[in-house]
Amino acid sequence: MNNKGFTLIEMLVGIAIFIILIGAVLDIFAFSMKSYNYSYAQIGQVQDNRQILLNITNNLQNATDIDPLSSPFQEIRFSIGTDSYKIAFDTNNSAVTFTKNGSIKSVGQKKIEYLIFTPSITTEERWRIDISLKFKNDTNIYRSSVVTLNKITNQVIF
């Protein structure tokens, strides 16, 4: 008898082990891809959320006049030079609206749970605005504090 090759049983066992190993590798690869896609989506969402907060902060930083009567919670009105601005939480669309001289831009549609502004006056006669922003499907509450670069030109007592 010639013993130079594999028997049919040995070949079938080898092929079965190979198929099991390939299946395990493909399963690990699929799990890794799902994890990567989920993480990538989460990172994108956090970046979008931070960008919205950064836009609000940058707009408020240069404000000279802030209307505190419109600002206890979800809306703030202010001016920069001759331009008038409003940043508000749109409850109908769950979005933040930026208004400049009547022109409205909406961001974060259907993503925002709440937006709260809390203005106060610093000892240097500048506005300090604390911002809290909560997005749907995100456990984080994004907070920021802005102190205006310019001194108050039209002080209103709360």
Protein backbone atom coordinates (compact mmCIF):
# COMPACT_ATOMS: atom_id res chain seq x y z
CA MET A 1 0.00 0.00 0.00
CA ASN A 2 1.19 3.51 -0.84
CA ASN A 3 1.09 6.03 2.07
CA LYS A 4 2.04 9.15 0.13
CA GLY A 5 -1.28 11.04 0.38
CA PHE A 6 -4.19 11.88 2.63
CA THR A 7 -7.21 9.71 3.03
CA LEU A 8 -10.67 11.01 2.22
CA ILE A 9 -11.51 11.23 5.95
CA GLU A 10 -8.37 13.29 6.65
CA MET A 11 -9.23 15.65 3.80
CA LEU A 12 -12.79 16.11 5.03
CA VAL A 13 -11.61 16.78 8.61
CA GLY A 14 -9.03 19.28 7.33
CA ILE A 15 -11.60 21.08 5.19
CA ALA A 16 -14.07 21.19 8.09
CA ILE A 17 -11.44 22.70 10.43
CA PHE A 18 -10.49 25.23 7.73
CA ILE A 19 -14.14 26.25 7.23
CA ILE A 20 -14.64 26.69 11.00
CA LEU A 21 -11.51 28.85 11.25
CA ILE A 22 -12.52 31.00 8.25
CA GLY A 23 -16.01 31.40 9.75
CA ALA A 24 -14.54 32.54 13.06
CA VAL A 25 -12.24 35.03 11.34
CA LEU A 26 -15.10 36.44 9.24
CA ASP A 27 -17.29 36.73 12.35
CA ILE A 28 -14.57 38.67 14.18
CA PHE A 29 -14.10 40.89 11.11
CA ALA A 30 -17.85 41.59 10.87
CA PHE A 31 -18.01 42.47 14.58
CA SER A 32 -14.99 44.78 14.19
CA MET A 33 -16.63 46.57 11.24
CA LYS A 34 -19.87 47.07 13.16
CA SER A 35 -17.94 48.48 16.13
CA TYR A 36 -15.94 50.76 13.87
CA ASN A 37 -19.05 52.08 12.09
CA TYR A 38 -20.83 52.68 15.40
CA SER A 39 -17.81 54.49 16.88
CA TYR A 40 -17.37 56.56 13.73
CA ALA A 41 -21.04 57.62 13.84
CA GLN A 42 -20.76 58.54 17.52
CA ILE A 43 -17.63 60.61 16.89
CA GLY A 44 -19.38 62.40 14.03
CA GLN A 45 -22.37 63.16 16.23
CA VAL A 46 -20.19 64.55 19.03
CA GLN A 47 -18.28 66.72 16.52
CA ASP A 48 -21.56 68.05 15.09
CA ASN A 49 -22.83 68.80 18.61
CA ARG A 50 -19.65 70.61 19.57
CA GLN A 51 -19.76 72.61 16.33
CA ILE A 52 -23.25 73.87 17.15
CA LEU A 53 -22.10 74.92 20.63
CA LEU A 54 -18.99 76.56 19.15
CA ASN A 55 -21.15 78.56 16.70
CA ILE A 56 -23.28 79.81 19.59
CA THR A 57 -20.20 80.68 21.66
CA ASN A 58 -18.45 82.50 18.81
CA ASN A 59 -21.55 84.56 18.05
CA LEU A 60 -22.04 85.59 21.66
CA GLN A 61 -18.39 86.41 22.33
CA ASN A 62 -18.52 89.64 20.31
CA ALA A 63 -21.92 90.81 21.59
CA THR A 64 -22.17 94.36 22.93
CA ASP A 65 -25.84 94.62 23.86
CA ILE A 66 -27.74 91.64 25.20
CA ASP A 67 -31.47 91.73 25.91
CA PRO A 68 -31.82 89.85 29.21
CA LEU A 69 -35.59 90.09 29.13
CA SER A 70 -35.67 87.62 26.23
CA SER A 71 -33.02 85.38 27.76
CA PRO A 72 -34.16 83.53 30.82
CA PHE A 73 -34.20 80.15 29.10
CA GLN A 74 -34.36 79.27 25.41
CA GLU A 75 -33.69 82.45 23.45
CA ILE A 76 -31.13 85.25 23.51
CA ARG A 77 -31.06 88.48 21.54
CA PHE A 78 -27.93 90.58 21.12
CA SER A 79 -26.18 92.95 18.78
CA ILE A 80 -22.72 93.21 17.29
CA GLY A 81 -22.18 96.64 15.88
CA THR A 82 -25.23 97.52 13.79
CA ASP A 83 -26.28 93.89 13.24
CA SER A 84 -28.98 92.34 15.39
CA TYR A 85 -28.90 88.64 16.26
CA LYS A 86 -31.12 86.07 17.87
CA ILE A 87 -30.23 82.52 18.87
CA ALA A 88 -33.21 80.42 19.90
CA PHE A 89 -34.34 76.87 20.51
CA ASP A 90 -37.07 75.94 18.03
CA THR A 91 -39.28 73.48 19.92
CA ASN A 92 -41.25 72.50 16.80
CA ASN A 93 -38.18 71.31 14.88
CA SER A 94 -35.93 70.47 17.87
CA ALA A 95 -33.30 72.74 16.33
CA VAL A 96 -31.27 75.87 17.06
CA THR A 97 -32.05 78.89 14.89
CA PHE A 98 -29.51 81.62 14.22
CA THR A 99 -31.06 84.88 13.04
CA LYS A 100 -28.98 87.79 11.74
CA ASN A 101 -30.87 90.90 10.66
CA GLY A 102 -33.97 88.79 9.95
CA SER A 103 -32.19 86.06 7.98
CA ILE A 104 -32.76 82.69 9.67
CA LYS A 105 -30.48 79.64 9.59
CA SER A 106 -31.56 76.47 11.37
CA VAL A 107 -29.10 73.80 12.55
CA GLY A 108 -29.42 70.47 14.34
CA GLN A 109 -32.97 69.66 13.17
CA LYS A 110 -34.64 66.90 15.22
CA LYS A 111 -31.45 66.48 17.27
CA ILE A 112 -31.73 68.93 20.17
CA GLU A 113 -33.57 68.24 23.40
CA TYR A 114 -33.04 71.65 25.03
CA LEU A 115 -30.96 74.83 24.95
CA ILE A 116 -30.73 77.14 27.96
CA PHE A 117 -29.02 80.54 28.27
CA THR A 118 -28.24 82.08 31.67
CA PRO A 119 -26.86 85.63 31.35
CA SER A 120 -25.18 87.58 34.15
CA ILE A 121 -22.93 90.62 34.48
CA THR A 122 -19.26 90.30 35.50
CA THR A 123 -17.40 92.73 37.74
CA GLU A 124 -15.63 94.07 34.62
CA GLU A 125 -19.02 95.13 33.21
CA ARG A 126 -19.07 92.41 30.60
CA TRP A 127 -21.76 89.86 29.89
CA ARG A 128 -21.23 86.29 31.01
CA ILE A 129 -23.57 83.80 29.37
CA ASP A 130 -23.73 80.21 30.58
CA ILE A 131 -25.00 77.85 27.90
CA SER A 132 -26.42 74.35 28.43
CA LEU A 133 -27.18 72.27 25.36
CA LYS A 134 -28.63 68.74 25.43
CA PHE A 135 -28.95 66.59 22.34
CA LYS A 136 -31.32 63.69 21.83
CA ASN A 137 -29.65 60.25 21.80
CA ASP A 138 -26.67 61.65 23.71
CA THR A 139 -26.17 61.29 27.45
CA ASN A 140 -23.84 64.32 27.60
CA ILE A 141 -24.95 67.84 28.41
CA TYR A 142 -22.72 70.30 26.58
CA ARG A 143 -21.95 73.38 28.65
CA SER A 144 -20.03 76.50 27.86
CA SER A 145 -19.51 79.90 29.41
CA VAL A 146 -18.90 82.98 27.31
CA VAL A 147 -17.65 86.32 28.55
CA THR A 148 -18.15 89.01 25.94
CA LEU A 149 -15.04 90.75 24.67
CA ASN A 150 -16.75 94.15 24.74
CA LYS A 151 -17.97 96.05 27.77
CA ILE A 152 -21.72 96.47 28.19
CA THR A 153 -23.00 99.53 26.34
CA ASN A 154 -26.62 99.25 27.44
CA GLN A 155 -26.85 97.82 30.94
CA VAL A 156 -30.20 96.47 32.01
CA ILE A 157 -30.82 95.36 35.59
CA PHE A 158 -32.42 91.89 35.91
